[in-house]
Amino acid sequence: MRRLADLLTVVRALLGLPLLLALAAGRPALAWVLLLLGGLSDWADGVLARRAGGGTAWGARLDPLTDKILISAPLLWLAHSGGLPLWAVWLLLARELLISGWRAGQGSGGPASLAGKAKTVLQFLSLLLLLWPGAWALGAGPGLPALLHSLGWWLFWPSLLLALSSALGYLRQVRA
């Protein structure tokens, strides 16, 4: 089960580039599906690792980095396309680099805090809503995609606050 968890982590890392290319090529449905698959693989590899009594040290180090790759791709695209302010995306990515550097120095890979996990879930949800394809009105009319995009935009801000507050928690551990 640990090897399967690690394999899912590697696959998630590889999804970042096709996701970015799908967004750049104007294929929002494909990008959305890739992001959803990435989020589900993040959940599944965690379940598998826990069932195996814990993941590998390699997986513990790679898992947070693959999350960063998968989340950074749509964040950068949304900043480029005007869907999110560049300064907010920059702040979030700077936080991710800082914490990734801290985690790299930890023997265990620096386990994620509860706030860090909540941040990741909220980011995935926010991005899925922000990237909801306009053609997917689901019979509710053209207002549904706009409503979902707006909800995703509003969910981004609490995810940013969680990111910054969890970073403070990690940095407090450095001082202790």
N, C-alpha and C. Protein backbone atom coordinates (compact mmCIF):
# COMPACT_ATOMS: atom_id res chain seq x y z
N MET A 1 0.82 -1.20 0.00
CA MET A 1 0.00 0.00 0.00
C MET A 1 0.87 1.26 0.00
N ARG A 2 2.02 1.19 0.66
CA ARG A 2 2.90 2.36 0.69
C ARG A 2 3.42 2.69 -0.71
N ARG A 3 3.74 1.67 -1.49
CA ARG A 3 4.21 1.92 -2.85
C ARG A 3 3.12 2.52 -3.71
N LEU A 4 1.88 2.05 -3.53
CA LEU A 4 0.77 2.61 -4.29
C LEU A 4 0.55 4.07 -3.89
N ALA A 5 0.66 4.37 -2.59
CA ALA A 5 0.53 5.76 -2.13
C ALA A 5 1.61 6.63 -2.77
N ASP A 6 2.84 6.13 -2.82
CA ASP A 6 3.93 6.88 -3.43
C ASP A 6 3.70 7.06 -4.93
N LEU A 7 3.17 6.02 -5.59
CA LEU A 7 2.88 6.11 -7.02
C LEU A 7 1.81 7.19 -7.28
N LEU A 8 0.78 7.23 -6.45
CA LEU A 8 -0.25 8.27 -6.61
C LEU A 8 0.36 9.67 -6.43
N THR A 9 1.31 9.80 -5.53
CA THR A 9 1.98 11.07 -5.31
C THR A 9 2.74 11.49 -6.56
N VAL A 10 3.45 10.56 -7.17
CA VAL A 10 4.21 10.86 -8.39
C VAL A 10 3.25 11.25 -9.52
N VAL A 11 2.16 10.51 -9.67
CA VAL A 11 1.18 10.81 -10.71
C VAL A 11 0.61 12.22 -10.51
N ARG A 12 0.35 12.58 -9.26
CA ARG A 12 -0.18 13.92 -8.96
C ARG A 12 0.82 14.99 -9.37
N ALA A 13 2.08 14.74 -9.13
CA ALA A 13 3.11 15.71 -9.53
C ALA A 13 3.12 15.89 -11.04
N LEU A 14 2.91 14.81 -11.76
CA LEU A 14 2.94 14.87 -13.22
C LEU A 14 1.70 15.54 -13.81
N LEU A 15 0.63 15.68 -13.04
CA LEU A 15 -0.60 16.31 -13.54
C LEU A 15 -0.47 17.82 -13.68
N GLY A 16 0.48 18.44 -12.99
CA GLY A 16 0.60 19.90 -13.01
C GLY A 16 0.82 20.47 -14.40
N LEU A 17 1.73 19.89 -15.16
CA LEU A 17 2.01 20.41 -16.50
C LEU A 17 0.84 20.24 -17.45
N PRO A 18 0.23 19.04 -17.57
CA PRO A 18 -0.93 18.93 -18.44
C PRO A 18 -2.08 19.86 -18.02
N LEU A 19 -2.23 20.07 -16.72
CA LEU A 19 -3.27 20.98 -16.24
C LEU A 19 -3.01 22.40 -16.75
N LEU A 20 -1.78 22.85 -16.61
CA LEU A 20 -1.41 24.19 -17.08
C LEU A 20 -1.57 24.30 -18.60
N LEU A 21 -1.16 23.26 -19.32
CA LEU A 21 -1.30 23.26 -20.78
C LEU A 21 -2.77 23.27 -21.20
N ALA A 22 -3.60 22.54 -20.48
CA ALA A 22 -5.04 22.53 -20.79
C ALA A 22 -5.64 23.92 -20.58
N LEU A 23 -5.24 24.59 -19.51
CA LEU A 23 -5.73 25.95 -19.27
C LEU A 23 -5.27 26.89 -20.37
N ALA A 24 -4.00 26.80 -20.73
CA ALA A 24 -3.44 27.67 -21.77
C ALA A 24 -4.07 27.41 -23.13
N ALA A 25 -4.47 26.17 -23.38
CA ALA A 25 -5.07 25.80 -24.66
C ALA A 25 -6.57 26.06 -24.71
N GLY A 26 -7.13 26.62 -23.63
CA GLY A 26 -8.56 26.88 -23.62
C GLY A 26 -9.40 25.63 -23.46
N ARG A 27 -8.90 24.66 -22.72
CA ARG A 27 -9.61 23.40 -22.47
C ARG A 27 -9.98 23.32 -20.99
N PRO A 28 -10.93 24.17 -20.55
CA PRO A 28 -11.23 24.24 -19.11
C PRO A 28 -11.79 22.93 -18.54
N ALA A 29 -12.55 22.19 -19.33
CA ALA A 29 -13.11 20.94 -18.80
C ALA A 29 -12.00 19.94 -18.50
N LEU A 30 -11.03 19.83 -19.38
CA LEU A 30 -9.90 18.93 -19.15
C LEU A 30 -9.10 19.39 -17.94
N ALA A 31 -8.85 20.68 -17.83
CA ALA A 31 -8.10 21.22 -16.69
C ALA A 31 -8.84 20.92 -15.39
N TRP A 32 -10.15 21.10 -15.40
CA TRP A 32 -10.95 20.85 -14.20
C TRP A 32 -10.86 19.38 -13.79
N VAL A 33 -10.98 18.49 -14.76
CA VAL A 33 -10.92 17.05 -14.46
C VAL A 33 -9.53 16.68 -13.92
N LEU A 34 -8.47 17.24 -14.51
CA LEU A 34 -7.12 16.96 -14.03
C LEU A 34 -6.93 17.44 -12.59
N LEU A 35 -7.46 18.63 -12.29
CA LEU A 35 -7.35 19.14 -10.92
C LEU A 35 -8.15 18.27 -9.96
N LEU A 36 -9.34 17.85 -10.36
CA LEU A 36 -10.15 16.96 -9.52
C LEU A 36 -9.42 15.64 -9.27
N LEU A 37 -8.85 15.07 -10.32
CA LEU A 37 -8.09 13.82 -10.17
C LEU A 37 -6.90 14.02 -9.23
N GLY A 38 -6.25 15.16 -9.34
CA GLY A 38 -5.14 15.45 -8.44
C GLY A 38 -5.59 15.54 -7.00
N GLY A 39 -6.69 16.20 -6.75
CA GLY A 39 -7.22 16.32 -5.39
C GLY A 39 -7.64 14.97 -4.83
N LEU A 40 -8.28 14.17 -5.67
CA LEU A 40 -8.69 12.84 -5.22
C LEU A 40 -7.49 11.94 -4.96
N SER A 41 -6.43 12.08 -5.78
CA SER A 41 -5.24 11.26 -5.56
C SER A 41 -4.53 11.69 -4.27
N ASP A 42 -4.61 12.96 -3.92
CA ASP A 42 -4.03 13.44 -2.67
C ASP A 42 -4.74 12.77 -1.49
N TRP A 43 -6.05 12.74 -1.56
CA TRP A 43 -6.83 12.10 -0.51
C TRP A 43 -6.52 10.60 -0.47
N ALA A 44 -6.50 9.94 -1.63
CA ALA A 44 -6.31 8.49 -1.70
C ALA A 44 -4.92 8.08 -1.21
N ASP A 45 -3.89 8.85 -1.57
CA ASP A 45 -2.57 8.42 -1.11
C ASP A 45 -2.44 8.58 0.41
N GLY A 46 -3.13 9.56 0.97
CA GLY A 46 -3.14 9.70 2.43
C GLY A 46 -3.85 8.54 3.11
N VAL A 47 -4.97 8.12 2.54
CA VAL A 47 -5.70 6.97 3.10
C VAL A 47 -4.85 5.71 3.03
N LEU A 48 -4.22 5.49 1.88
CA LEU A 48 -3.39 4.29 1.72
C LEU A 48 -2.21 4.30 2.69
N ALA A 49 -1.57 5.45 2.83
CA ALA A 49 -0.42 5.54 3.74
C ALA A 49 -0.85 5.27 5.19
N ARG A 50 -2.00 5.82 5.59
CA ARG A 50 -2.47 5.59 6.96
C ARG A 50 -2.81 4.12 7.18
N ARG A 51 -3.44 3.50 6.18
CA ARG A 51 -3.79 2.06 6.31
C ARG A 51 -2.54 1.19 6.41
N ALA A 52 -1.46 1.64 5.80
CA ALA A 52 -0.20 0.88 5.84
C ALA A 52 0.57 1.16 7.13
N GLY A 53 -0.01 1.95 8.02
CA GLY A 53 0.66 2.28 9.27
C GLY A 53 1.62 3.45 9.15
N GLY A 54 1.50 4.18 8.07
CA GLY A 54 2.35 5.34 7.84
C GLY A 54 3.00 5.23 6.47
N GLY A 55 3.26 6.37 5.89
CA GLY A 55 3.87 6.39 4.57
C GLY A 55 5.38 6.25 4.65
N THR A 56 6.00 6.30 3.49
CA THR A 56 7.46 6.24 3.43
C THR A 56 8.02 7.63 3.69
N ALA A 57 9.28 7.69 4.09
CA ALA A 57 9.94 8.99 4.30
C ALA A 57 9.98 9.75 2.98
N TRP A 58 10.20 9.03 1.88
CA TRP A 58 10.22 9.63 0.55
C TRP A 58 8.86 10.25 0.23
N GLY A 59 7.80 9.51 0.50
CA GLY A 59 6.46 10.01 0.24
C GLY A 59 6.12 11.22 1.11
N ALA A 60 6.57 11.19 2.36
CA ALA A 60 6.31 12.32 3.26
C ALA A 60 6.98 13.60 2.77
N ARG A 61 8.12 13.46 2.11
CA ARG A 61 8.80 14.64 1.56
C ARG A 61 8.20 15.07 0.24
N LEU A 62 7.80 14.10 -0.59
CA LEU A 62 7.30 14.42 -1.92
C LEU A 62 5.85 14.90 -1.92
N ASP A 63 5.03 14.36 -1.02
CA ASP A 63 3.60 14.70 -1.03
C ASP A 63 3.32 16.20 -0.97
N PRO A 64 3.91 16.94 -0.02
CA PRO A 64 3.61 18.38 0.01
C PRO A 64 4.13 19.12 -1.23
N LEU A 65 5.23 18.64 -1.79
CA LEU A 65 5.75 19.29 -3.00
C LEU A 65 4.82 19.07 -4.20
N THR A 66 4.24 17.88 -4.29
CA THR A 66 3.33 17.63 -5.40
C THR A 66 2.06 18.47 -5.26
N ASP A 67 1.62 18.67 -4.02
CA ASP A 67 0.48 19.56 -3.80
C ASP A 67 0.79 20.96 -4.32
N LYS A 68 2.02 21.41 -4.05
CA LYS A 68 2.42 22.76 -4.49
C LYS A 68 2.43 22.85 -6.01
N ILE A 69 2.93 21.81 -6.67
CA ILE A 69 2.96 21.81 -8.14
C ILE A 69 1.54 21.86 -8.68
N LEU A 70 0.69 21.00 -8.15
CA LEU A 70 -0.67 20.91 -8.67
C LEU A 70 -1.48 22.19 -8.40
N ILE A 71 -1.27 22.81 -7.27
CA ILE A 71 -2.02 24.01 -6.93
C ILE A 71 -1.40 25.25 -7.59
N SER A 72 -0.09 25.26 -7.76
CA SER A 72 0.58 26.42 -8.36
C SER A 72 0.18 26.62 -9.81
N ALA A 73 0.01 25.54 -10.55
CA ALA A 73 -0.33 25.65 -11.98
C ALA A 73 -1.60 26.48 -12.20
N PRO A 74 -2.74 26.12 -11.59
CA PRO A 74 -3.93 26.95 -11.82
C PRO A 74 -3.85 28.32 -11.16
N LEU A 75 -3.14 28.42 -10.03
CA LEU A 75 -2.99 29.74 -9.40
C LEU A 75 -2.27 30.70 -10.33
N LEU A 76 -1.18 30.23 -10.93
CA LEU A 76 -0.43 31.10 -11.85
C LEU A 76 -1.28 31.46 -13.06
N TRP A 77 -2.03 30.51 -13.57
CA TRP A 77 -2.89 30.79 -14.72
C TRP A 77 -3.97 31.80 -14.34
N LEU A 78 -4.57 31.62 -13.16
CA LEU A 78 -5.62 32.56 -12.72
C LEU A 78 -5.05 33.95 -12.49
N ALA A 79 -3.83 34.04 -11.99
CA ALA A 79 -3.21 35.36 -11.82
C ALA A 79 -2.94 35.98 -13.18
N HIS A 80 -2.46 35.19 -14.11
CA HIS A 80 -2.17 35.68 -15.46
C HIS A 80 -3.44 36.13 -16.18
N SER A 81 -4.51 35.39 -16.00
CA SER A 81 -5.76 35.70 -16.71
C SER A 81 -6.62 36.73 -15.98
N GLY A 82 -6.20 37.16 -14.80
CA GLY A 82 -6.95 38.17 -14.06
C GLY A 82 -8.02 37.60 -13.15
N GLY A 83 -8.07 36.27 -13.00
CA GLY A 83 -9.06 35.65 -12.12
C GLY A 83 -8.76 35.85 -10.65
N LEU A 84 -7.49 36.04 -10.33
CA LEU A 84 -7.07 36.32 -8.95
C LEU A 84 -5.99 37.39 -9.01
N PRO A 85 -5.90 38.23 -7.98
CA PRO A 85 -4.86 39.25 -7.97
C PRO A 85 -3.46 38.63 -7.88
N LEU A 86 -2.56 39.15 -8.68
CA LEU A 86 -1.20 38.63 -8.71
C LEU A 86 -0.54 38.71 -7.35
N TRP A 87 -0.77 39.79 -6.61
CA TRP A 87 -0.11 39.94 -5.31
C TRP A 87 -0.53 38.83 -4.35
N ALA A 88 -1.80 38.42 -4.41
CA ALA A 88 -2.29 37.37 -3.51
C ALA A 88 -1.69 36.02 -3.88
N VAL A 89 -1.60 35.75 -5.17
CA VAL A 89 -1.00 34.50 -5.63
C VAL A 89 0.49 34.49 -5.27
N TRP A 90 1.16 35.62 -5.46
CA TRP A 90 2.57 35.71 -5.11
C TRP A 90 2.77 35.45 -3.62
N LEU A 91 1.93 36.04 -2.79
CA LEU A 91 2.03 35.86 -1.34
C LEU A 91 1.84 34.39 -0.98
N LEU A 92 0.86 33.76 -1.59
CA LEU A 92 0.61 32.35 -1.32
C LEU A 92 1.78 31.48 -1.78
N LEU A 93 2.30 31.74 -2.96
CA LEU A 93 3.42 30.94 -3.46
C LEU A 93 4.69 31.18 -2.65
N ALA A 94 4.89 32.41 -2.18
CA ALA A 94 6.04 32.70 -1.31
C ALA A 94 5.92 31.91 -0.01
N ARG A 95 4.73 31.83 0.53
CA ARG A 95 4.49 31.03 1.74
C ARG A 95 4.82 29.57 1.47
N GLU A 96 4.37 29.07 0.33
CA GLU A 96 4.61 27.66 0.00
C GLU A 96 6.10 27.37 -0.11
N LEU A 97 6.87 28.26 -0.74
CA LEU A 97 8.31 28.07 -0.85
C LEU A 97 8.98 28.10 0.52
N LEU A 98 8.57 29.02 1.36
CA LEU A 98 9.13 29.14 2.69
C LEU A 98 8.90 27.87 3.50
N ILE A 99 7.67 27.40 3.51
CA ILE A 99 7.34 26.22 4.30
C ILE A 99 7.95 24.96 3.68
N SER A 100 8.02 24.90 2.37
CA SER A 100 8.67 23.75 1.72
C SER A 100 10.14 23.69 2.10
N GLY A 101 10.79 24.84 2.17
CA GLY A 101 12.18 24.89 2.61
C GLY A 101 12.33 24.43 4.04
N TRP A 102 11.42 24.86 4.90
CA TRP A 102 11.46 24.43 6.30
C TRP A 102 11.27 22.92 6.39
N ARG A 103 10.28 22.41 5.64
CA ARG A 103 9.99 20.98 5.68
C ARG A 103 11.16 20.15 5.18
N ALA A 104 11.88 20.67 4.19
CA ALA A 104 13.02 19.93 3.64
C ALA A 104 14.08 19.68 4.69
N GLY A 105 14.18 20.56 5.66
CA GLY A 105 15.16 20.40 6.73
C GLY A 105 14.71 19.50 7.85
N GLN A 106 13.47 19.07 7.82
CA GLN A 106 12.94 18.20 8.86
C GLN A 106 13.20 16.74 8.49
N GLY A 107 13.60 15.94 9.43
CA GLY A 107 13.88 14.54 9.17
C GLY A 107 12.66 13.78 8.67
N SER A 108 11.49 14.15 9.17
CA SER A 108 10.26 13.45 8.81
C SER A 108 9.55 14.08 7.62
N GLY A 109 10.14 15.12 7.06
CA GLY A 109 9.45 15.85 6.00
C GLY A 109 8.56 16.94 6.56
N GLY A 110 8.52 17.07 7.88
CA GLY A 110 7.69 18.10 8.51
C GLY A 110 6.22 17.83 8.30
N PRO A 111 5.60 17.02 9.15
CA PRO A 111 4.19 16.68 8.96
C PRO A 111 3.31 17.92 8.89
N ALA A 112 2.28 17.82 8.08
CA ALA A 112 1.35 18.96 7.91
C ALA A 112 0.54 19.17 9.18
N SER A 113 0.34 20.43 9.49
CA SER A 113 -0.52 20.77 10.62
C SER A 113 -1.98 20.65 10.18
N LEU A 114 -2.88 20.66 11.14
CA LEU A 114 -4.31 20.62 10.82
C LEU A 114 -4.69 21.84 9.98
N ALA A 115 -4.16 23.00 10.33
CA ALA A 115 -4.44 24.22 9.56
C ALA A 115 -3.88 24.10 8.15
N GLY A 116 -2.71 23.50 8.00
CA GLY A 116 -2.12 23.30 6.69
C GLY A 116 -2.95 22.37 5.83
N LYS A 117 -3.48 21.32 6.45
CA LYS A 117 -4.35 20.39 5.71
C LYS A 117 -5.66 21.08 5.31
N ALA A 118 -6.22 21.85 6.22
CA ALA A 118 -7.46 22.57 5.91
C ALA A 118 -7.23 23.57 4.78
N LYS A 119 -6.08 24.22 4.80
CA LYS A 119 -5.72 25.16 3.74
C LYS A 119 -5.69 24.46 2.39
N THR A 120 -5.08 23.29 2.35
CA THR A 120 -4.97 22.56 1.08
C THR A 120 -6.35 22.17 0.56
N VAL A 121 -7.21 21.66 1.43
CA VAL A 121 -8.57 21.28 1.02
C VAL A 121 -9.32 22.50 0.51
N LEU A 122 -9.23 23.60 1.22
CA LEU A 122 -9.93 24.82 0.82
C LEU A 122 -9.37 25.36 -0.50
N GLN A 123 -8.07 25.26 -0.70
CA GLN A 123 -7.48 25.69 -1.97
C GLN A 123 -8.00 24.85 -3.13
N PHE A 124 -8.00 23.53 -2.95
CA PHE A 124 -8.51 22.66 -4.02
C PHE A 124 -9.97 23.01 -4.34
N LEU A 125 -10.78 23.17 -3.31
CA LEU A 125 -12.19 23.49 -3.52
C LEU A 125 -12.34 24.84 -4.23
N SER A 126 -11.60 25.84 -3.75
CA SER A 126 -11.64 27.16 -4.37
C SER A 126 -11.25 27.10 -5.83
N LEU A 127 -10.16 26.38 -6.12
CA LEU A 127 -9.68 26.29 -7.50
C LEU A 127 -10.66 25.52 -8.39
N LEU A 128 -11.26 24.47 -7.86
CA LEU A 128 -12.25 23.73 -8.65
C LEU A 128 -13.43 24.64 -9.01
N LEU A 129 -13.85 25.46 -8.08
CA LEU A 129 -14.96 26.39 -8.36
C LEU A 129 -14.53 27.49 -9.32
N LEU A 130 -13.32 28.03 -9.12
CA LEU A 130 -12.83 29.09 -10.01
C LEU A 130 -12.63 28.59 -11.44
N LEU A 131 -12.30 27.32 -11.58
CA LEU A 131 -12.03 26.75 -12.90
C LEU A 131 -13.25 26.05 -13.50
N TRP A 132 -14.38 26.12 -12.82
CA TRP A 132 -15.59 25.46 -13.33
C TRP A 132 -15.85 25.93 -14.76
N PRO A 133 -15.91 25.00 -15.72
CA PRO A 133 -16.11 25.40 -17.12
C PRO A 133 -17.44 26.11 -17.35
N GLY A 134 -17.38 27.20 -18.08
CA GLY A 134 -18.58 27.98 -18.38
C GLY A 134 -19.65 27.19 -19.12
N ALA A 135 -19.24 26.17 -19.86
CA ALA A 135 -20.20 25.37 -20.62
C ALA A 135 -20.98 24.40 -19.72
N TRP A 136 -20.54 24.23 -18.50
CA TRP A 136 -21.20 23.29 -17.59
C TRP A 136 -22.26 24.01 -16.75
N ALA A 137 -23.33 24.41 -17.38
CA ALA A 137 -24.41 25.09 -16.66
C ALA A 137 -25.31 24.09 -15.95
N LEU A 138 -25.25 22.81 -16.34
CA LEU A 138 -26.01 21.73 -15.72
C LEU A 138 -27.51 22.01 -15.67
N GLY A 139 -28.02 22.63 -16.70
CA GLY A 139 -29.45 22.90 -16.78
C GLY A 139 -29.92 24.06 -15.94
N ALA A 140 -29.01 24.68 -15.18
CA ALA A 140 -29.39 25.78 -14.30
C ALA A 140 -29.26 27.13 -14.99
N GLY A 141 -28.86 27.13 -16.25
CA GLY A 141 -28.69 28.37 -16.97
C GLY A 141 -27.29 28.91 -16.85
N PRO A 142 -27.01 29.98 -17.57
CA PRO A 142 -25.64 30.52 -17.61
C PRO A 142 -25.19 31.14 -16.29
N GLY A 143 -26.10 31.36 -15.38
CA GLY A 143 -25.72 31.97 -14.11
C GLY A 143 -24.98 31.04 -13.16
N LEU A 144 -25.13 29.72 -13.35
CA LEU A 144 -24.49 28.77 -12.44
C LEU A 144 -22.96 28.87 -12.48
N PRO A 145 -22.33 28.83 -13.68
CA PRO A 145 -20.86 28.96 -13.67
C PRO A 145 -20.39 30.27 -13.03
N ALA A 146 -21.07 31.36 -13.29
CA ALA A 146 -20.68 32.64 -12.70
C ALA A 146 -20.82 32.59 -11.17
N LEU A 147 -21.87 31.97 -10.70
CA LEU A 147 -22.07 31.84 -9.25
C LEU A 147 -20.96 30.98 -8.63
N LEU A 148 -20.62 29.87 -9.29
CA LEU A 148 -19.57 29.00 -8.77
C LEU A 148 -18.21 29.69 -8.81
N HIS A 149 -17.94 30.45 -9.87
CA HIS A 149 -16.68 31.20 -9.94
C HIS A 149 -16.60 32.21 -8.80
N SER A 150 -17.71 32.88 -8.54
CA SER A 150 -17.74 33.86 -7.45
C SER A 150 -17.52 33.18 -6.10
N LEU A 151 -18.16 32.05 -5.90
CA LEU A 151 -17.96 31.31 -4.65
C LEU A 151 -16.51 30.88 -4.50
N GLY A 152 -15.89 30.43 -5.60
CA GLY A 152 -14.48 30.05 -5.56
C GLY A 152 -13.59 31.22 -5.22
N TRP A 153 -13.92 32.40 -5.78
CA TRP A 153 -13.14 33.61 -5.48
C TRP A 153 -13.23 33.94 -4.00
N TRP A 154 -14.41 33.85 -3.43
CA TRP A 154 -14.58 34.17 -2.02
C TRP A 154 -13.95 33.12 -1.11
N LEU A 155 -13.88 31.87 -1.55
CA LEU A 155 -13.23 30.83 -0.75
C LEU A 155 -11.70 30.93 -0.82
N PHE A 156 -11.20 31.57 -1.87
CA PHE A 156 -9.75 31.73 -1.97
C PHE A 156 -9.20 32.53 -0.79
N TRP A 157 -9.90 33.55 -0.36
CA TRP A 157 -9.39 34.44 0.68
C TRP A 157 -9.23 33.74 2.03
N PRO A 158 -10.20 32.94 2.49
CA PRO A 158 -9.95 32.19 3.72
C PRO A 158 -8.80 31.19 3.56
N SER A 159 -8.64 30.63 2.36
CA SER A 159 -7.52 29.70 2.15
C SER A 159 -6.20 30.45 2.26
N LEU A 160 -6.15 31.68 1.79
CA LEU A 160 -4.94 32.48 1.92
C LEU A 160 -4.67 32.80 3.39
N LEU A 161 -5.71 33.15 4.13
CA LEU A 161 -5.54 33.43 5.56
C LEU A 161 -5.08 32.18 6.31
N LEU A 162 -5.65 31.03 5.98
CA LEU A 162 -5.22 29.78 6.60
C LEU A 162 -3.76 29.49 6.25
N ALA A 163 -3.38 29.76 5.01
CA ALA A 163 -2.00 29.53 4.58
C ALA A 163 -1.04 30.38 5.41
N LEU A 164 -1.38 31.64 5.58
CA LEU A 164 -0.49 32.54 6.33
C LEU A 164 -0.47 32.19 7.81
N SER A 165 -1.63 31.86 8.38
CA SER A 165 -1.65 31.52 9.81
C SER A 165 -0.95 30.18 10.06
N SER A 166 -1.11 29.22 9.16
CA SER A 166 -0.41 27.94 9.36
C SER A 166 1.10 28.13 9.19
N ALA A 167 1.50 29.05 8.32
CA ALA A 167 2.94 29.34 8.16
C ALA A 167 3.50 29.86 9.48
N LEU A 168 2.75 30.72 10.15
CA LEU A 168 3.20 31.21 11.45
C LEU A 168 3.36 30.08 12.44
N GLY A 169 2.44 29.12 12.39
CA GLY A 169 2.54 27.95 13.28
C GLY A 169 3.79 27.15 13.01
N TYR A 170 4.10 26.92 11.72
CA TYR A 170 5.33 26.20 11.38
C TYR A 170 6.56 26.97 11.85
N LEU A 171 6.55 28.29 11.62
CA LEU A 171 7.71 29.10 11.99
C LEU A 171 7.90 29.17 13.49
N ARG A 172 6.82 29.08 14.25
CA ARG A 172 6.95 29.02 15.72
C ARG A 172 7.69 27.76 16.14
N GLN A 173 7.48 26.68 15.39
CA GLN A 173 8.19 25.43 15.69
C GLN A 173 9.69 25.61 15.48
N VAL A 174 10.08 26.43 14.53
CA VAL A 174 11.49 26.68 14.25
C VAL A 174 12.13 27.37 15.44
N ARG A 175 11.40 28.31 16.02
CA ARG A 175 11.93 29.08 17.16
C ARG A 175 11.97 28.28 18.44
N ALA A 176 11.14 27.24 18.51
CA ALA A 176 11.05 26.44 19.77
C ALA A 176 12.19 25.46 19.91
